Amino acid sequence: MRLRDDVPLNLALEDLAVAGLDTDAVRELFEELEFVKLVNELAPRKVLGRAGYRTVITAGDLEDLA
């Protein structure tokens, strides 16, 4: 086998740069192919924040929310 280095490319080096990864699409593919380790290595899914939630334990806590 020989690597050809004499073939002209009509691309700029910047065109070959790796762009951002669509992690949702990649995760779906990895899950479909059962690539468990790769799924676990991806960034975690976005988790909804718990902002605005309060635990109500007493009647006073409930009144404070009203």
PDB file of N, CA and C in Angstrom:
ATOM      1  N   MET A   1       0.844  -1.151   0.000  1.00  0.00           N
ATOM      2  CA  MET A   1       0.000   0.000   0.000  1.00  0.00           C
ATOM      3  C   MET A   1       0.902   1.230   0.000  1.00  0.00           C
ATOM      4  N   ARG A   2       0.421   2.263  -0.676  1.00  0.00           N
ATOM      5  CA  ARG A   2       1.199   3.499  -0.763  1.00  0.00           C
ATOM      6  C   ARG A   2       0.277   4.679  -0.520  1.00  0.00           C
ATOM      7  N   LEU A   3       0.730   5.607   0.279  1.00  0.00           N
ATOM      8  CA  LEU A   3      -0.022   6.827   0.539  1.00  0.00           C
ATOM      9  C   LEU A   3       0.373   7.852  -0.514  1.00  0.00           C
ATOM     10  N   ARG A   4      -0.621   8.286  -1.278  1.00  0.00           N
ATOM     11  CA  ARG A   4      -0.340   9.241  -2.354  1.00  0.00           C
ATOM     12  C   ARG A   4      -0.307  10.647  -1.777  1.00  0.00           C
ATOM     13  N   ASP A   5       0.796  11.318  -1.967  1.00  0.00           N
ATOM     14  CA  ASP A   5       0.908  12.697  -1.497  1.00  0.00           C
ATOM     15  C   ASP A   5       1.064  13.680  -2.654  1.00  0.00           C
ATOM     16  N   ASP A   6       0.851  13.189  -3.871  1.00  0.00           N
ATOM     17  CA  ASP A   6       0.995  14.040  -5.043  1.00  0.00           C
ATOM     18  C   ASP A   6      -0.352  14.384  -5.680  1.00  0.00           C
ATOM     19  N   VAL A   7      -1.431  14.153  -4.952  1.00  0.00           N
ATOM     20  CA  VAL A   7      -2.772  14.419  -5.474  1.00  0.00           C
ATOM     21  C   VAL A   7      -3.192  15.815  -5.035  1.00  0.00           C
ATOM     22  N   PRO A   8      -3.538  16.675  -5.982  1.00  0.00           N
ATOM     23  CA  PRO A   8      -3.943  18.031  -5.594  1.00  0.00           C
ATOM     24  C   PRO A   8      -5.305  18.016  -4.894  1.00  0.00           C
ATOM     25  N   LEU A   9      -5.406  18.791  -3.840  1.00  0.00           N
ATOM     26  CA  LEU A   9      -6.664  18.940  -3.114  1.00  0.00           C
ATOM     27  C   LEU A   9      -7.160  20.364  -3.284  1.00  0.00           C
ATOM     28  N   ASN A  10      -8.415  20.504  -3.600  1.00  0.00           N
ATOM     29  CA  ASN A  10      -8.999  21.831  -3.767  1.00  0.00           C
ATOM     30  C   ASN A  10      -9.678  22.274  -2.475  1.00  0.00           C
ATOM     31  N   LEU A  11      -8.967  22.113  -1.378  1.00  0.00           N
ATOM     32  CA  LEU A  11      -9.489  22.468  -0.065  1.00  0.00           C
ATOM     33  C   LEU A  11      -8.442  23.271   0.688  1.00  0.00           C
ATOM     34  N   ALA A  12      -8.937  24.174   1.512  1.00  0.00           N
ATOM     35  CA  ALA A  12      -8.040  24.882   2.414  1.00  0.00           C
ATOM     36  C   ALA A  12      -7.913  24.051   3.686  1.00  0.00           C
ATOM     37  N   LEU A  13      -6.840  24.221   4.398  1.00  0.00           N
ATOM     38  CA  LEU A  13      -6.626  23.485   5.633  1.00  0.00           C
ATOM     39  C   LEU A  13      -7.763  23.737   6.626  1.00  0.00           C
ATOM     40  N   GLU A  14      -8.282  24.956   6.643  1.00  0.00           N
ATOM     41  CA  GLU A  14      -9.382  25.306   7.548  1.00  0.00           C
ATOM     42  C   GLU A  14     -10.646  24.491   7.241  1.00  0.00           C
ATOM     43  N   ASP A  15     -10.835  24.110   5.975  1.00  0.00           N
ATOM     44  CA  ASP A  15     -12.008  23.314   5.593  1.00  0.00           C
ATOM     45  C   ASP A  15     -11.963  21.907   6.188  1.00  0.00           C
ATOM     46  N   LEU A  16     -10.793  21.462   6.572  1.00  0.00           N
ATOM     47  CA  LEU A  16     -10.630  20.115   7.103  1.00  0.00           C
ATOM     48  C   LEU A  16     -10.683  20.070   8.625  1.00  0.00           C
ATOM     49  N   ALA A  17     -10.824  21.225   9.256  1.00  0.00           N
ATOM     50  CA  ALA A  17     -10.865  21.281  10.718  1.00  0.00           C
ATOM     51  C   ALA A  17     -12.127  20.595  11.234  1.00  0.00           C
ATOM     52  N   VAL A  18     -12.002  19.971  12.367  1.00  0.00           N
ATOM     53  CA  VAL A  18     -13.138  19.291  12.988  1.00  0.00           C
ATOM     54  C   VAL A  18     -14.070  20.337  13.577  1.00  0.00           C
ATOM     55  N   ALA A  19     -15.331  20.250  13.190  1.00  0.00           N
ATOM     56  CA  ALA A  19     -16.327  21.183  13.716  1.00  0.00           C
ATOM     57  C   ALA A  19     -16.909  20.612  14.999  1.00  0.00           C
ATOM     58  N   GLY A  20     -17.836  21.333  15.570  1.00  0.00           N
ATOM     59  CA  GLY A  20     -18.492  20.867  16.787  1.00  0.00           C
ATOM     60  C   GLY A  20     -19.200  19.542  16.565  1.00  0.00           C
ATOM     61  N   LEU A  21     -19.353  18.799  17.618  1.00  0.00           N
ATOM     62  CA  LEU A  21     -19.957  17.474  17.564  1.00  0.00           C
ATOM     63  C   LEU A  21     -21.427  17.563  17.942  1.00  0.00           C
ATOM     64  N   ASP A  22     -22.285  16.946  17.153  1.00  0.00           N
ATOM     65  CA  ASP A  22     -23.713  16.872  17.478  1.00  0.00           C
ATOM     66  C   ASP A  22     -23.871  15.695  18.434  1.00  0.00           C
ATOM     67  N   THR A  23     -23.707  15.974  19.730  1.00  0.00           N
ATOM     68  CA  THR A  23     -23.668  14.895  20.711  1.00  0.00           C
ATOM     69  C   THR A  23     -24.973  14.108  20.781  1.00  0.00           C
ATOM     70  N   ASP A  24     -26.100  14.765  20.530  1.00  0.00           N
ATOM     71  CA  ASP A  24     -27.368  14.031  20.560  1.00  0.00           C
ATOM     72  C   ASP A  24     -27.419  12.990  19.446  1.00  0.00           C
ATOM     73  N   ALA A  25     -26.995  13.372  18.238  1.00  0.00           N
ATOM     74  CA  ALA A  25     -26.999  12.436  17.110  1.00  0.00           C
ATOM     75  C   ALA A  25     -25.980  11.321  17.330  1.00  0.00           C
ATOM     76  N   VAL A  26     -24.810  11.689  17.837  1.00  0.00           N
ATOM     77  CA  VAL A  26     -23.772  10.689  18.090  1.00  0.00           C
ATOM     78  C   VAL A  26     -24.228   9.727  19.182  1.00  0.00           C
ATOM     79  N   ARG A  27     -24.862  10.269  20.230  1.00  0.00           N
ATOM     80  CA  ARG A  27     -25.349   9.417  21.314  1.00  0.00           C
ATOM     81  C   ARG A  27     -26.380   8.410  20.780  1.00  0.00           C
ATOM     82  N   GLU A  28     -27.308   8.890  19.948  1.00  0.00           N
ATOM     83  CA  GLU A  28     -28.314   7.991  19.362  1.00  0.00           C
ATOM     84  C   GLU A  28     -27.649   6.864  18.571  1.00  0.00           C
ATOM     85  N   LEU A  29     -26.660   7.222  17.758  1.00  0.00           N
ATOM     86  CA  LEU A  29     -25.962   6.215  16.957  1.00  0.00           C
ATOM     87  C   LEU A  29     -25.237   5.215  17.851  1.00  0.00           C
ATOM     88  N   PHE A  30     -24.511   5.709  18.847  1.00  0.00           N
ATOM     89  CA  PHE A  30     -23.781   4.823  19.750  1.00  0.00           C
ATOM     90  C   PHE A  30     -24.728   3.907  20.516  1.00  0.00           C
ATOM     91  N   GLU A  31     -25.879   4.450  20.933  1.00  0.00           N
ATOM     92  CA  GLU A  31     -26.850   3.617  21.644  1.00  0.00           C
ATOM     93  C   GLU A  31     -27.426   2.549  20.719  1.00  0.00           C
ATOM     94  N   GLU A  32     -27.707   2.931  19.473  1.00  0.00           N
ATOM     95  CA  GLU A  32     -28.235   1.970  18.496  1.00  0.00           C
ATOM     96  C   GLU A  32     -27.236   0.843  18.247  1.00  0.00           C
ATOM     97  N   LEU A  33     -25.958   1.205  18.188  1.00  0.00           N
ATOM     98  CA  LEU A  33     -24.913   0.215  17.927  1.00  0.00           C
ATOM     99  C   LEU A  33     -24.422  -0.470  19.201  1.00  0.00           C
ATOM    100  N   GLU A  34     -25.014  -0.095  20.334  1.00  0.00           N
ATOM    101  CA  GLU A  34     -24.677  -0.654  21.642  1.00  0.00           C
ATOM    102  C   GLU A  34     -23.215  -0.433  22.014  1.00  0.00           C
ATOM    103  N   PHE A  35     -22.714   0.763  21.712  1.00  0.00           N
ATOM    104  CA  PHE A  35     -21.364   1.155  22.104  1.00  0.00           C
ATOM    105  C   PHE A  35     -21.445   1.793  23.487  1.00  0.00           C
ATOM    106  N   VAL A  36     -21.650   0.977  24.490  1.00  0.00           N
ATOM    107  CA  VAL A  36     -21.935   1.463  25.842  1.00  0.00           C
ATOM    108  C   VAL A  36     -20.807   2.339  26.379  1.00  0.00           C
ATOM    109  N   LYS A  37     -19.585   1.911  26.210  1.00  0.00           N
ATOM    110  CA  LYS A  37     -18.450   2.675  26.739  1.00  0.00           C
ATOM    111  C   LYS A  37     -18.376   4.053  26.082  1.00  0.00           C
ATOM    112  N   LEU A  38     -18.583   4.118  24.784  1.00  0.00           N
ATOM    113  CA  LEU A  38     -18.532   5.407  24.094  1.00  0.00           C
ATOM    114  C   LEU A  38     -19.690   6.303  24.512  1.00  0.00           C
ATOM    115  N   VAL A  39     -20.857   5.721  24.745  1.00  0.00           N
ATOM    116  CA  VAL A  39     -21.999   6.510  25.228  1.00  0.00           C
ATOM    117  C   VAL A  39     -21.642   7.127  26.567  1.00  0.00           C
ATOM    118  N   ASN A  40     -21.025   6.346  27.438  1.00  0.00           N
ATOM    119  CA  ASN A  40     -20.662   6.840  28.767  1.00  0.00           C
ATOM    120  C   ASN A  40     -19.580   7.906  28.714  1.00  0.00           C
ATOM    121  N   GLU A  41     -18.760   7.899  27.673  1.00  0.00           N
ATOM    122  CA  GLU A  41     -17.690   8.886  27.555  1.00  0.00           C
ATOM    123  C   GLU A  41     -18.175  10.216  26.989  1.00  0.00           C
ATOM    124  N   LEU A  42     -19.349  10.223  26.375  1.00  0.00           N
ATOM    125  CA  LEU A  42     -19.889  11.475  25.851  1.00  0.00           C
ATOM    126  C   LEU A  42     -20.270  12.390  27.001  1.00  0.00           C
ATOM    127  N   ALA A  43     -20.348  13.655  26.699  1.00  0.00           N
ATOM    128  CA  ALA A  43     -20.803  14.608  27.711  1.00  0.00           C
ATOM    129  C   ALA A  43     -22.201  14.214  28.156  1.00  0.00           C
ATOM    130  N   PRO A  44     -22.503  14.430  29.418  1.00  0.00           N
ATOM    131  CA  PRO A  44     -23.840  14.054  29.898  1.00  0.00           C
ATOM    132  C   PRO A  44     -24.933  14.845  29.200  1.00  0.00           C
ATOM    133  N   ARG A  45     -26.118  14.236  29.128  1.00  0.00           N
ATOM    134  CA  ARG A  45     -27.261  14.940  28.559  1.00  0.00           C
ATOM    135  C   ARG A  45     -27.570  16.152  29.415  1.00  0.00           C
ATOM    136  N   LYS A  46     -28.168  17.132  28.784  1.00  0.00           N
ATOM    137  CA  LYS A  46     -28.559  18.316  29.529  1.00  0.00           C
ATOM    138  C   LYS A  46     -29.634  17.935  30.536  1.00  0.00           C
ATOM    139  N   VAL A  47     -29.419  18.348  31.751  1.00  0.00           N
ATOM    140  CA  VAL A  47     -30.365  18.048  32.818  1.00  0.00           C
ATOM    141  C   VAL A  47     -31.067  19.340  33.190  1.00  0.00           C
ATOM    142  N   LEU A  48     -32.366  19.253  33.288  1.00  0.00           N
ATOM    143  CA  LEU A  48     -33.114  20.439  33.687  1.00  0.00           C
ATOM    144  C   LEU A  48     -32.722  20.823  35.099  1.00  0.00           C
ATOM    145  N   GLY A  49     -32.539  22.101  35.309  1.00  0.00           N
ATOM    146  CA  GLY A  49     -32.186  22.582  36.627  1.00  0.00           C
ATOM    147  C   GLY A  49     -33.357  22.508  37.593  1.00  0.00           C
ATOM    148  N   ARG A  50     -33.034  22.576  38.828  1.00  0.00           N
ATOM    149  CA  ARG A  50     -34.065  22.521  39.852  1.00  0.00           C
ATOM    150  C   ARG A  50     -34.354  23.913  40.397  1.00  0.00           C
ATOM    151  N   ALA A  51     -33.947  24.935  39.707  1.00  0.00           N
ATOM    152  CA  ALA A  51     -34.186  26.304  40.156  1.00  0.00           C
ATOM    153  C   ALA A  51     -35.681  26.557  40.267  1.00  0.00           C
ATOM    154  N   GLY A  52     -36.056  27.247  41.308  1.00  0.00           N
ATOM    155  CA  GLY A  52     -37.457  27.584  41.487  1.00  0.00           C
ATOM    156  C   GLY A  52     -38.239  26.541  42.262  1.00  0.00           C
ATOM    157  N   TYR A  53     -37.598  25.462  42.666  1.00  0.00           N
ATOM    158  CA  TYR A  53     -38.280  24.424  43.434  1.00  0.00           C
ATOM    159  C   TYR A  53     -37.913  24.570  44.910  1.00  0.00           C
ATOM    160  N   ARG A  54     -38.894  24.361  45.766  1.00  0.00           N
ATOM    161  CA  ARG A  54     -38.645  24.353  47.207  1.00  0.00           C
ATOM    162  C   ARG A  54     -39.376  23.176  47.817  1.00  0.00           C
ATOM    163  N   THR A  55     -38.786  22.612  48.817  1.00  0.00           N
ATOM    164  CA  THR A  55     -39.443  21.532  49.537  1.00  0.00           C
ATOM    165  C   THR A  55     -40.343  22.138  50.599  1.00  0.00           C
ATOM    166  N   VAL A  56     -41.598  21.739  50.567  1.00  0.00           N
ATOM    167  CA  VAL A  56     -42.573  22.230  51.544  1.00  0.00           C
ATOM    168  C   VAL A  56     -42.763  21.146  52.591  1.00  0.00           C
ATOM    169  N   ILE A  57     -42.393  21.470  53.823  1.00  0.00           N
ATOM    170  CA  ILE A  57     -42.507  20.498  54.907  1.00  0.00           C
ATOM    171  C   ILE A  57     -43.593  20.904  55.903  1.00  0.00           C
ATOM    172  N   THR A  58     -43.671  22.191  56.143  1.00  0.00           N
ATOM    173  CA  THR A  58     -44.628  22.654  57.151  1.00  0.00           C
ATOM    174  C   THR A  58     -45.697  23.519  56.502  1.00  0.00           C
ATOM    175  N   ALA A  59     -46.759  23.772  57.251  1.00  0.00           N
ATOM    176  CA  ALA A  59     -47.819  24.665  56.776  1.00  0.00           C
ATOM    177  C   ALA A  59     -47.259  26.066  56.570  1.00  0.00           C
ATOM    178  N   GLY A  60     -46.318  26.459  57.403  1.00  0.00           N
ATOM    179  CA  GLY A  60     -45.679  27.763  57.251  1.00  0.00           C
ATOM    180  C   GLY A  60     -44.931  27.878  55.929  1.00  0.00           C
ATOM    181  N   ASP A  61     -44.251  26.808  55.534  1.00  0.00           N
ATOM    182  CA  ASP A  61     -43.561  26.792  54.238  1.00  0.00           C
ATOM    183  C   ASP A  61     -44.556  26.984  53.103  1.00  0.00           C
ATOM    184  N   LEU A  62     -45.707  26.341  53.218  1.00  0.00           N
ATOM    185  CA  LEU A  62     -46.739  26.446  52.192  1.00  0.00           C
ATOM    186  C   LEU A  62     -47.299  27.859  52.128  1.00  0.00           C
ATOM    187  N   GLU A  63     -47.501  28.469  53.270  1.00  0.00           N
ATOM    188  CA  GLU A  63     -48.007  29.847  53.315  1.00  0.00           C
ATOM    189  C   GLU A  63     -46.998  30.812  52.704  1.00  0.00           C
ATOM    190  N   ASP A  64     -45.704  30.545  52.903  1.00  0.00           N
ATOM    191  CA  ASP A  64     -44.664  31.408  52.329  1.00  0.00           C
ATOM    192  C   ASP A  64     -44.709  31.399  50.803  1.00  0.00           C
ATOM    193  N   LEU A  65     -45.154  30.312  50.209  1.00  0.00           N
ATOM    194  CA  LEU A  65     -45.232  30.221  48.755  1.00  0.00           C
ATOM    195  C   LEU A  65     -46.429  30.974  48.186  1.00  0.00           C
ATOM    196  N   ALA A  66     -47.459  31.166  48.988  1.00  0.00           N
ATOM    197  CA  ALA A  66     -48.697  31.799  48.509  1.00  0.00           C
ATOM    198  C   ALA A  66     -48.545  33.287  48.344  1.00  0.00           C
TER     199      ALA A  66
END
